[in-house]
Amino acid sequence: MSRLLAKKWAIALVVSLALNLFLGGMMTARWMMRPHRPPHRGMGMHVRSLKSSLGRHLDPSVHGTLERVDAKHREIIRERMKDAAEASRSAKDALSGEPFDEAKAKEAFADARAKQAAAREAMQNALIELAAALPPAERAKLGKAWGRRDGPRGRGDRRRRPGGTREGPPPR
């Protein structure tokens, strides 16, 4: 092979390598920047304690109150959420079971709804008790924080995105 031809091939290989690295970097960056959401558990409630979900949104001066209310309600909330998750799994199993029993599926879904309502009630009772113990400024923060749905990067909320989905970054 002539020196000129070898030089052209070397340049082509370097350009190809640079292009592949650039495209690979773009794909990796896009994958890393996408919002990572927790797996859906069937009931839309992922909060295990008030402190874990609200602690960073409230002033440190009220963390003692938050801890007290959280400690009082934590176990019942966890227990009821666990019951609701098990009932949701049972409803899913009844839906896909063979032979299909319509009455059993309806009963399983009714049980799941009741247990989900009980879990929500436990969480809401804890929130109400916390709100009653907070000063007005912190209660306002509590209301804003409870309406948010923060992902691992601290962004996102419950507002619908264009097109009726909850995917993608929040509107700016």
N, C-alpha and C. Protein backbone atom coordinates (compact mmCIF):
# COMPACT_ATOMS: atom_id res chain seq x y z
N MET A 1 0.84 -1.17 0.00
CA MET A 1 0.00 0.00 0.00
C MET A 1 0.89 1.24 0.00
N SER A 2 0.49 2.21 -0.74
CA SER A 2 1.30 3.42 -0.81
C SER A 2 1.14 4.24 0.47
N ARG A 3 2.12 5.06 0.69
CA ARG A 3 2.09 5.90 1.89
C ARG A 3 0.89 6.84 1.90
N LEU A 4 0.53 7.38 0.76
CA LEU A 4 -0.60 8.30 0.66
C LEU A 4 -1.91 7.60 1.00
N LEU A 5 -2.07 6.37 0.47
CA LEU A 5 -3.28 5.60 0.75
C LEU A 5 -3.34 5.21 2.24
N ALA A 6 -2.23 4.83 2.82
CA ALA A 6 -2.17 4.47 4.24
C ALA A 6 -2.52 5.67 5.11
N LYS A 7 -2.05 6.84 4.72
CA LYS A 7 -2.33 8.06 5.48
C LYS A 7 -3.82 8.39 5.44
N LYS A 8 -4.46 8.20 4.26
CA LYS A 8 -5.91 8.46 4.13
C LYS A 8 -6.71 7.50 5.01
N TRP A 9 -6.30 6.21 5.02
CA TRP A 9 -7.01 5.23 5.86
C TRP A 9 -6.83 5.57 7.34
N ALA A 10 -5.68 5.99 7.74
CA ALA A 10 -5.43 6.36 9.14
C ALA A 10 -6.31 7.53 9.56
N ILE A 11 -6.42 8.52 8.68
CA ILE A 11 -7.27 9.68 8.97
C ILE A 11 -8.73 9.25 9.07
N ALA A 12 -9.16 8.40 8.15
CA ALA A 12 -10.56 7.92 8.16
C ALA A 12 -10.85 7.14 9.45
N LEU A 13 -9.91 6.32 9.90
CA LEU A 13 -10.11 5.55 11.14
C LEU A 13 -10.18 6.47 12.36
N VAL A 14 -9.33 7.48 12.41
CA VAL A 14 -9.35 8.43 13.54
C VAL A 14 -10.67 9.21 13.56
N VAL A 15 -11.13 9.66 12.39
CA VAL A 15 -12.41 10.38 12.31
C VAL A 15 -13.55 9.46 12.74
N SER A 16 -13.53 8.22 12.28
CA SER A 16 -14.57 7.25 12.65
C SER A 16 -14.57 7.00 14.15
N LEU A 17 -13.41 6.83 14.74
CA LEU A 17 -13.30 6.62 16.18
C LEU A 17 -13.84 7.82 16.95
N ALA A 18 -13.49 9.02 16.53
CA ALA A 18 -13.96 10.24 17.19
C ALA A 18 -15.48 10.34 17.11
N LEU A 19 -16.03 10.04 15.94
CA LEU A 19 -17.49 10.10 15.77
C LEU A 19 -18.18 9.07 16.65
N ASN A 20 -17.66 7.85 16.71
CA ASN A 20 -18.24 6.81 17.57
C ASN A 20 -18.18 7.19 19.04
N LEU A 21 -17.05 7.75 19.49
CA LEU A 21 -16.94 8.18 20.88
C LEU A 21 -17.92 9.31 21.19
N PHE A 22 -18.07 10.24 20.27
CA PHE A 22 -19.01 11.35 20.46
C PHE A 22 -20.43 10.83 20.57
N LEU A 23 -20.87 9.97 19.65
CA LEU A 23 -22.23 9.44 19.68
C LEU A 23 -22.47 8.56 20.92
N GLY A 24 -21.46 7.77 21.28
CA GLY A 24 -21.58 6.95 22.50
C GLY A 24 -21.73 7.80 23.74
N GLY A 25 -20.97 8.89 23.79
CA GLY A 25 -21.08 9.81 24.93
C GLY A 25 -22.43 10.47 25.00
N MET A 26 -22.97 10.85 23.84
CA MET A 26 -24.31 11.46 23.83
C MET A 26 -25.37 10.47 24.31
N MET A 27 -25.28 9.23 23.85
CA MET A 27 -26.27 8.22 24.27
C MET A 27 -26.16 7.94 25.76
N THR A 28 -24.94 7.86 26.27
CA THR A 28 -24.74 7.63 27.70
C THR A 28 -25.27 8.79 28.52
N ALA A 29 -24.99 10.00 28.09
CA ALA A 29 -25.47 11.18 28.81
C ALA A 29 -27.00 11.23 28.81
N ARG A 30 -27.61 10.91 27.69
CA ARG A 30 -29.07 10.91 27.64
C ARG A 30 -29.64 9.86 28.57
N TRP A 31 -29.04 8.68 28.61
CA TRP A 31 -29.51 7.62 29.50
C TRP A 31 -29.36 8.05 30.96
N MET A 32 -28.23 8.69 31.29
CA MET A 32 -28.00 9.09 32.68
C MET A 32 -28.88 10.26 33.10
N MET A 33 -29.31 11.09 32.18
CA MET A 33 -30.11 12.26 32.52
C MET A 33 -31.61 11.97 32.60
N ARG A 34 -32.06 10.81 32.14
CA ARG A 34 -33.49 10.53 32.17
C ARG A 34 -33.94 10.38 33.61
N PRO A 35 -35.18 10.75 33.90
CA PRO A 35 -35.66 10.63 35.27
C PRO A 35 -35.84 9.15 35.63
N HIS A 36 -35.28 8.76 36.76
CA HIS A 36 -35.41 7.38 37.24
C HIS A 36 -36.52 7.38 38.29
N ARG A 37 -37.58 6.68 38.01
CA ARG A 37 -38.71 6.63 38.93
C ARG A 37 -38.76 5.29 39.64
N PRO A 38 -39.25 5.29 40.87
CA PRO A 38 -39.39 4.00 41.55
C PRO A 38 -40.41 3.13 40.83
N PRO A 39 -40.30 1.83 40.95
CA PRO A 39 -41.28 0.97 40.29
C PRO A 39 -42.67 1.22 40.84
N HIS A 40 -43.66 1.11 39.98
CA HIS A 40 -45.04 1.33 40.38
C HIS A 40 -45.49 0.21 41.30
N ARG A 41 -46.08 0.56 42.42
CA ARG A 41 -46.51 -0.46 43.38
C ARG A 41 -48.01 -0.67 43.35
N GLY A 42 -48.70 -0.06 42.42
CA GLY A 42 -50.11 -0.35 42.27
C GLY A 42 -51.04 0.57 43.03
N MET A 43 -50.54 1.41 43.93
CA MET A 43 -51.46 2.25 44.67
C MET A 43 -51.04 3.71 44.72
N GLY A 44 -49.93 4.04 44.15
CA GLY A 44 -49.53 5.42 44.04
C GLY A 44 -49.01 6.04 45.32
N MET A 45 -48.83 5.25 46.37
CA MET A 45 -48.31 5.77 47.63
C MET A 45 -46.98 5.08 47.92
N HIS A 46 -45.92 5.87 48.00
CA HIS A 46 -44.61 5.30 48.24
C HIS A 46 -44.00 5.82 49.53
N VAL A 47 -44.71 6.65 50.24
CA VAL A 47 -44.20 7.26 51.45
C VAL A 47 -44.21 6.23 52.56
N ARG A 48 -43.08 6.03 53.20
CA ARG A 48 -42.98 5.10 54.31
C ARG A 48 -42.98 5.82 55.66
N SER A 49 -42.60 7.08 55.67
CA SER A 49 -42.64 7.86 56.90
C SER A 49 -42.73 9.34 56.55
N LEU A 50 -43.28 10.11 57.45
CA LEU A 50 -43.38 11.55 57.22
C LEU A 50 -42.00 12.19 57.19
N LYS A 51 -41.13 11.74 58.09
CA LYS A 51 -39.80 12.35 58.18
C LYS A 51 -39.03 12.18 56.88
N SER A 52 -39.08 10.99 56.29
CA SER A 52 -38.31 10.75 55.07
C SER A 52 -38.84 11.56 53.89
N SER A 53 -40.15 11.81 53.86
CA SER A 53 -40.70 12.52 52.72
C SER A 53 -40.79 14.03 52.91
N LEU A 54 -40.87 14.49 54.14
CA LEU A 54 -41.08 15.91 54.38
C LEU A 54 -39.95 16.62 55.10
N GLY A 55 -39.02 15.88 55.68
CA GLY A 55 -37.96 16.48 56.49
C GLY A 55 -37.16 17.55 55.79
N ARG A 56 -36.83 17.34 54.52
CA ARG A 56 -35.99 18.31 53.82
C ARG A 56 -36.77 19.56 53.41
N HIS A 57 -38.09 19.51 53.45
CA HIS A 57 -38.91 20.66 53.04
C HIS A 57 -39.26 21.59 54.20
N LEU A 58 -39.16 21.08 55.43
CA LEU A 58 -39.55 21.88 56.59
C LEU A 58 -38.33 22.43 57.31
N ASP A 59 -38.54 23.51 58.03
CA ASP A 59 -37.48 24.17 58.77
C ASP A 59 -36.94 23.22 59.85
N PRO A 60 -35.64 23.21 60.06
CA PRO A 60 -35.06 22.34 61.08
C PRO A 60 -35.63 22.57 62.48
N SER A 61 -36.16 23.76 62.75
CA SER A 61 -36.72 24.04 64.07
C SER A 61 -37.96 23.21 64.38
N VAL A 62 -38.62 22.67 63.36
CA VAL A 62 -39.82 21.85 63.59
C VAL A 62 -39.55 20.36 63.40
N HIS A 63 -38.29 19.98 63.22
CA HIS A 63 -37.97 18.57 63.02
C HIS A 63 -38.29 17.72 64.25
N GLY A 64 -38.23 18.31 65.44
CA GLY A 64 -38.60 17.58 66.65
C GLY A 64 -40.08 17.20 66.62
N THR A 65 -40.92 18.14 66.24
CA THR A 65 -42.35 17.87 66.10
C THR A 65 -42.58 16.83 65.02
N LEU A 66 -41.90 16.97 63.92
CA LEU A 66 -42.02 16.02 62.82
C LEU A 66 -41.63 14.62 63.28
N GLU A 67 -40.53 14.52 64.01
CA GLU A 67 -40.06 13.22 64.51
C GLU A 67 -41.07 12.60 65.48
N ARG A 68 -41.64 13.42 66.35
CA ARG A 68 -42.62 12.92 67.32
C ARG A 68 -43.85 12.36 66.63
N VAL A 69 -44.40 13.12 65.68
CA VAL A 69 -45.60 12.68 64.95
C VAL A 69 -45.27 11.46 64.09
N ASP A 70 -44.11 11.48 63.46
CA ASP A 70 -43.70 10.36 62.62
C ASP A 70 -43.56 9.09 63.46
N ALA A 71 -42.91 9.19 64.62
CA ALA A 71 -42.73 8.01 65.48
C ALA A 71 -44.07 7.44 65.93
N LYS A 72 -45.02 8.32 66.19
CA LYS A 72 -46.35 7.88 66.65
C LYS A 72 -47.10 7.13 65.56
N HIS A 73 -46.95 7.55 64.30
CA HIS A 73 -47.76 6.99 63.22
C HIS A 73 -47.01 6.03 62.29
N ARG A 74 -45.70 5.99 62.38
CA ARG A 74 -44.89 5.25 61.41
C ARG A 74 -45.29 3.78 61.27
N GLU A 75 -45.42 3.08 62.35
CA GLU A 75 -45.70 1.64 62.28
C GLU A 75 -47.07 1.34 61.68
N ILE A 76 -48.07 2.11 62.07
CA ILE A 76 -49.42 1.85 61.52
C ILE A 76 -49.46 2.15 60.03
N ILE A 77 -48.75 3.21 59.62
CA ILE A 77 -48.71 3.54 58.18
C ILE A 77 -48.02 2.41 57.42
N ARG A 78 -46.89 1.96 57.90
CA ARG A 78 -46.17 0.87 57.23
C ARG A 78 -47.01 -0.40 57.17
N GLU A 79 -47.65 -0.72 58.28
CA GLU A 79 -48.48 -1.93 58.34
C GLU A 79 -49.63 -1.86 57.33
N ARG A 80 -50.30 -0.72 57.32
CA ARG A 80 -51.43 -0.58 56.39
C ARG A 80 -50.98 -0.53 54.94
N MET A 81 -49.83 0.08 54.67
CA MET A 81 -49.32 0.09 53.30
C MET A 81 -48.90 -1.30 52.86
N LYS A 82 -48.32 -2.07 53.78
CA LYS A 82 -47.95 -3.45 53.48
C LYS A 82 -49.20 -4.27 53.17
N ASP A 83 -50.25 -4.10 53.99
CA ASP A 83 -51.51 -4.80 53.74
C ASP A 83 -52.10 -4.43 52.39
N ALA A 84 -52.03 -3.14 52.05
CA ALA A 84 -52.57 -2.67 50.77
C ALA A 84 -51.78 -3.24 49.60
N ALA A 85 -50.45 -3.31 49.74
CA ALA A 85 -49.62 -3.87 48.67
C ALA A 85 -49.92 -5.36 48.48
N GLU A 86 -50.09 -6.08 49.58
CA GLU A 86 -50.43 -7.51 49.48
C GLU A 86 -51.80 -7.70 48.83
N ALA A 87 -52.76 -6.85 49.19
CA ALA A 87 -54.09 -6.94 48.60
C ALA A 87 -54.04 -6.62 47.10
N SER A 88 -53.20 -5.67 46.72
CA SER A 88 -53.04 -5.35 45.29
C SER A 88 -52.45 -6.53 44.53
N ARG A 89 -51.46 -7.20 45.14
CA ARG A 89 -50.89 -8.39 44.51
C ARG A 89 -51.93 -9.50 44.38
N SER A 90 -52.75 -9.67 45.41
CA SER A 90 -53.80 -10.68 45.35
C SER A 90 -54.80 -10.36 44.25
N ALA A 91 -55.14 -9.09 44.08
CA ALA A 91 -56.06 -8.69 43.02
C ALA A 91 -55.44 -8.98 41.65
N LYS A 92 -54.17 -8.70 41.51
CA LYS A 92 -53.47 -8.98 40.25
C LYS A 92 -53.48 -10.49 39.97
N ASP A 93 -53.22 -11.28 41.01
CA ASP A 93 -53.23 -12.73 40.85
C ASP A 93 -54.62 -13.24 40.48
N ALA A 94 -55.65 -12.66 41.10
CA ALA A 94 -57.02 -13.07 40.79
C ALA A 94 -57.38 -12.70 39.36
N LEU A 95 -56.84 -11.62 38.87
CA LEU A 95 -57.12 -11.18 37.51
C LEU A 95 -56.48 -12.10 36.47
N SER A 96 -55.30 -12.61 36.79
CA SER A 96 -54.57 -13.43 35.82
C SER A 96 -54.66 -14.92 36.10
N GLY A 97 -55.36 -15.31 37.16
CA GLY A 97 -55.44 -16.72 37.54
C GLY A 97 -56.26 -17.55 36.58
N GLU A 98 -55.93 -18.84 36.54
CA GLU A 98 -56.69 -19.80 35.73
C GLU A 98 -57.25 -20.85 36.65
N PRO A 99 -58.46 -21.25 36.53
CA PRO A 99 -59.50 -20.64 35.69
C PRO A 99 -59.92 -19.30 36.28
N PHE A 100 -60.32 -18.39 35.42
CA PHE A 100 -60.71 -17.04 35.86
C PHE A 100 -62.03 -17.10 36.61
N ASP A 101 -62.05 -16.50 37.80
CA ASP A 101 -63.25 -16.43 38.62
C ASP A 101 -63.60 -14.96 38.80
N GLU A 102 -64.64 -14.50 38.11
CA GLU A 102 -65.02 -13.09 38.12
C GLU A 102 -65.37 -12.61 39.52
N ALA A 103 -66.10 -13.41 40.26
CA ALA A 103 -66.50 -13.02 41.62
C ALA A 103 -65.28 -12.87 42.52
N LYS A 104 -64.34 -13.81 42.39
CA LYS A 104 -63.11 -13.74 43.19
C LYS A 104 -62.30 -12.49 42.85
N ALA A 105 -62.23 -12.15 41.56
CA ALA A 105 -61.49 -10.95 41.13
C ALA A 105 -62.16 -9.70 41.68
N LYS A 106 -63.48 -9.61 41.60
CA LYS A 106 -64.19 -8.44 42.14
C LYS A 106 -63.96 -8.31 43.63
N GLU A 107 -64.01 -9.42 44.34
CA GLU A 107 -63.78 -9.40 45.79
C GLU A 107 -62.35 -8.97 46.11
N ALA A 108 -61.39 -9.46 45.34
CA ALA A 108 -59.99 -9.10 45.56
C ALA A 108 -59.76 -7.61 45.32
N PHE A 109 -60.36 -7.07 44.27
CA PHE A 109 -60.21 -5.63 43.99
C PHE A 109 -60.92 -4.79 45.05
N ALA A 110 -62.06 -5.23 45.53
CA ALA A 110 -62.77 -4.50 46.60
C ALA A 110 -61.91 -4.49 47.87
N ASP A 111 -61.29 -5.62 48.18
CA ASP A 111 -60.40 -5.70 49.35
C ASP A 111 -59.20 -4.77 49.17
N ALA A 112 -58.63 -4.75 47.96
CA ALA A 112 -57.49 -3.87 47.70
C ALA A 112 -57.87 -2.41 47.85
N ARG A 113 -59.04 -2.03 47.32
CA ARG A 113 -59.50 -0.63 47.47
C ARG A 113 -59.67 -0.26 48.93
N ALA A 114 -60.27 -1.16 49.71
CA ALA A 114 -60.50 -0.88 51.13
C ALA A 114 -59.17 -0.73 51.87
N LYS A 115 -58.21 -1.58 51.57
CA LYS A 115 -56.92 -1.51 52.27
C LYS A 115 -56.11 -0.30 51.82
N GLN A 116 -56.24 0.10 50.56
CA GLN A 116 -55.58 1.30 50.09
C GLN A 116 -56.18 2.54 50.76
N ALA A 117 -57.50 2.53 50.92
CA ALA A 117 -58.17 3.64 51.60
C ALA A 117 -57.71 3.72 53.06
N ALA A 118 -57.56 2.57 53.70
CA ALA A 118 -57.09 2.55 55.09
C ALA A 118 -55.67 3.09 55.19
N ALA A 119 -54.81 2.75 54.22
CA ALA A 119 -53.43 3.25 54.22
C ALA A 119 -53.42 4.77 54.02
N ARG A 120 -54.23 5.25 53.09
CA ARG A 120 -54.31 6.70 52.86
C ARG A 120 -54.83 7.41 54.11
N GLU A 121 -55.82 6.82 54.75
CA GLU A 121 -56.39 7.43 55.95
C GLU A 121 -55.33 7.54 57.05
N ALA A 122 -54.52 6.50 57.23
CA ALA A 122 -53.47 6.54 58.25
C ALA A 122 -52.47 7.66 57.95
N MET A 123 -52.08 7.79 56.68
CA MET A 123 -51.14 8.85 56.30
C MET A 123 -51.77 10.22 56.49
N GLN A 124 -53.02 10.36 56.09
CA GLN A 124 -53.69 11.65 56.21
C GLN A 124 -53.90 12.04 57.67
N ASN A 125 -54.19 11.08 58.53
CA ASN A 125 -54.32 11.38 59.96
C ASN A 125 -53.00 11.89 60.53
N ALA A 126 -51.90 11.29 60.12
CA ALA A 126 -50.59 11.75 60.57
C ALA A 126 -50.31 13.16 60.06
N LEU A 127 -50.66 13.42 58.81
CA LEU A 127 -50.46 14.77 58.24
C LEU A 127 -51.29 15.81 58.98
N ILE A 128 -52.53 15.46 59.30
CA ILE A 128 -53.40 16.39 60.01
C ILE A 128 -52.84 16.69 61.39
N GLU A 129 -52.37 15.67 62.08
CA GLU A 129 -51.78 15.89 63.41
C GLU A 129 -50.53 16.76 63.30
N LEU A 130 -49.71 16.51 62.29
CA LEU A 130 -48.51 17.32 62.09
C LEU A 130 -48.89 18.76 61.78
N ALA A 131 -49.84 18.97 60.89
CA ALA A 131 -50.26 20.32 60.52
C ALA A 131 -50.78 21.09 61.73
N ALA A 132 -51.52 20.40 62.60
CA ALA A 132 -52.06 21.06 63.80
C ALA A 132 -50.96 21.53 64.74
N ALA A 133 -49.81 20.85 64.70
CA ALA A 133 -48.72 21.19 65.61
C ALA A 133 -47.73 22.20 65.02
N LEU A 134 -47.89 22.56 63.76
CA LEU A 134 -46.95 23.46 63.10
C LEU A 134 -47.44 24.90 63.10
N PRO A 135 -46.50 25.87 63.10
CA PRO A 135 -46.88 27.27 62.93
C PRO A 135 -47.36 27.50 61.48
N PRO A 136 -48.11 28.57 61.23
CA PRO A 136 -48.69 28.81 59.90
C PRO A 136 -47.68 28.77 58.74
N ALA A 137 -46.50 29.35 58.93
CA ALA A 137 -45.52 29.37 57.84
C ALA A 137 -45.06 27.96 57.48
N GLU A 138 -44.87 27.12 58.49
CA GLU A 138 -44.45 25.74 58.23
C GLU A 138 -45.60 24.91 57.67
N ARG A 139 -46.84 25.24 58.08
CA ARG A 139 -48.01 24.55 57.51
C ARG A 139 -48.12 24.83 56.01
N ALA A 140 -47.79 26.07 55.62
CA ALA A 140 -47.80 26.41 54.19
C ALA A 140 -46.74 25.59 53.45
N LYS A 141 -45.55 25.44 54.03
CA LYS A 141 -44.50 24.62 53.43
C LYS A 141 -44.95 23.16 53.35
N LEU A 142 -45.64 22.70 54.39
CA LEU A 142 -46.13 21.33 54.42
C LEU A 142 -47.10 21.08 53.27
N GLY A 143 -48.00 22.01 53.03
CA GLY A 143 -48.96 21.86 51.94
C GLY A 143 -48.28 21.80 50.58
N LYS A 144 -47.28 22.66 50.38
CA LYS A 144 -46.55 22.65 49.11
C LYS A 144 -45.74 21.37 48.96
N ALA A 145 -45.09 20.95 50.04
CA ALA A 145 -44.24 19.75 49.98
C ALA A 145 -45.07 18.50 49.75
N TRP A 146 -46.23 18.40 50.35
CA TRP A 146 -47.05 17.21 50.19
C TRP A 146 -47.58 17.10 48.76
N GLY A 147 -47.75 18.21 48.06
CA GLY A 147 -48.24 18.16 46.69
C GLY A 147 -47.17 17.84 45.67
N ARG A 148 -45.91 17.82 46.10
CA ARG A 148 -44.80 17.54 45.18
C ARG A 148 -44.52 16.05 45.12
N ARG A 149 -43.90 15.66 44.03
CA ARG A 149 -43.46 14.27 43.87
C ARG A 149 -42.03 14.31 43.38
N ASP A 150 -41.09 14.41 44.29
CA ASP A 150 -39.69 14.57 43.93
C ASP A 150 -39.08 13.24 43.55
N GLY A 151 -38.32 13.28 42.48
CA GLY A 151 -37.57 12.10 42.06
C GLY A 151 -36.19 12.13 42.69
N PRO A 152 -35.31 11.24 42.25
CA PRO A 152 -33.98 11.18 42.86
C PRO A 152 -33.16 12.45 42.64
N ARG A 153 -33.52 13.23 41.65
CA ARG A 153 -32.79 14.48 41.40
C ARG A 153 -33.54 15.69 41.96
N GLY A 154 -34.61 15.45 42.72
CA GLY A 154 -35.32 16.53 43.36
C GLY A 154 -36.16 17.36 42.43
N ARG A 155 -36.61 16.80 41.32
CA ARG A 155 -37.42 17.59 40.42
C ARG A 155 -38.69 16.81 40.11
N GLY A 156 -39.69 17.54 39.66
CA GLY A 156 -40.94 16.89 39.28
C GLY A 156 -42.05 17.22 40.25
N ASP A 157 -43.26 17.18 39.77
CA ASP A 157 -44.40 17.37 40.63
C ASP A 157 -45.59 16.65 40.03
N ARG A 158 -46.75 16.80 40.60
CA ARG A 158 -47.91 16.04 40.17
C ARG A 158 -48.67 16.68 39.02
N ARG A 159 -48.22 17.84 38.55
CA ARG A 159 -48.90 18.46 37.41
C ARG A 159 -48.72 17.63 36.17
N ARG A 160 -49.74 17.58 35.37
CA ARG A 160 -49.67 16.82 34.11
C ARG A 160 -48.80 17.55 33.10
N ARG A 161 -48.09 16.79 32.33
CA ARG A 161 -47.25 17.33 31.26
C ARG A 161 -48.09 17.49 30.00
N PRO A 162 -47.61 18.25 29.03
CA PRO A 162 -48.32 18.36 27.75
C PRO A 162 -48.54 16.96 27.18
N GLY A 163 -49.72 16.73 26.69
CA GLY A 163 -50.04 15.42 26.14
C GLY A 163 -50.65 14.50 27.17
N GLY A 164 -50.87 14.99 28.39
CA GLY A 164 -51.54 14.21 29.42
C GLY A 164 -50.68 13.19 30.13
N THR A 165 -49.35 13.30 30.04
CA THR A 165 -48.49 12.33 30.72
C THR A 165 -47.78 12.99 31.88
N ARG A 166 -47.18 12.18 32.73
CA ARG A 166 -46.39 12.69 33.84
C ARG A 166 -44.91 12.50 33.56
N GLU A 167 -44.56 12.14 32.35
CA GLU A 167 -43.16 11.88 32.01
C GLU A 167 -42.45 13.19 31.68
N GLY A 168 -41.15 13.14 31.75
CA GLY A 168 -40.34 14.27 31.34
C GLY A 168 -40.10 15.25 32.46
N PRO A 169 -39.21 16.20 32.23
CA PRO A 169 -38.90 17.19 33.26
C PRO A 169 -40.08 18.14 33.47
N PRO A 170 -40.14 18.78 34.64
CA PRO A 170 -41.25 19.70 34.89
C PRO A 170 -41.16 20.92 34.00
N PRO A 171 -42.30 21.55 33.73
CA PRO A 171 -42.26 22.77 32.91
C PRO A 171 -41.50 23.87 33.64
N ARG A 172 -40.82 24.71 32.91
CA ARG A 172 -40.02 25.78 33.53
C ARG A 172 -40.77 27.08 33.51
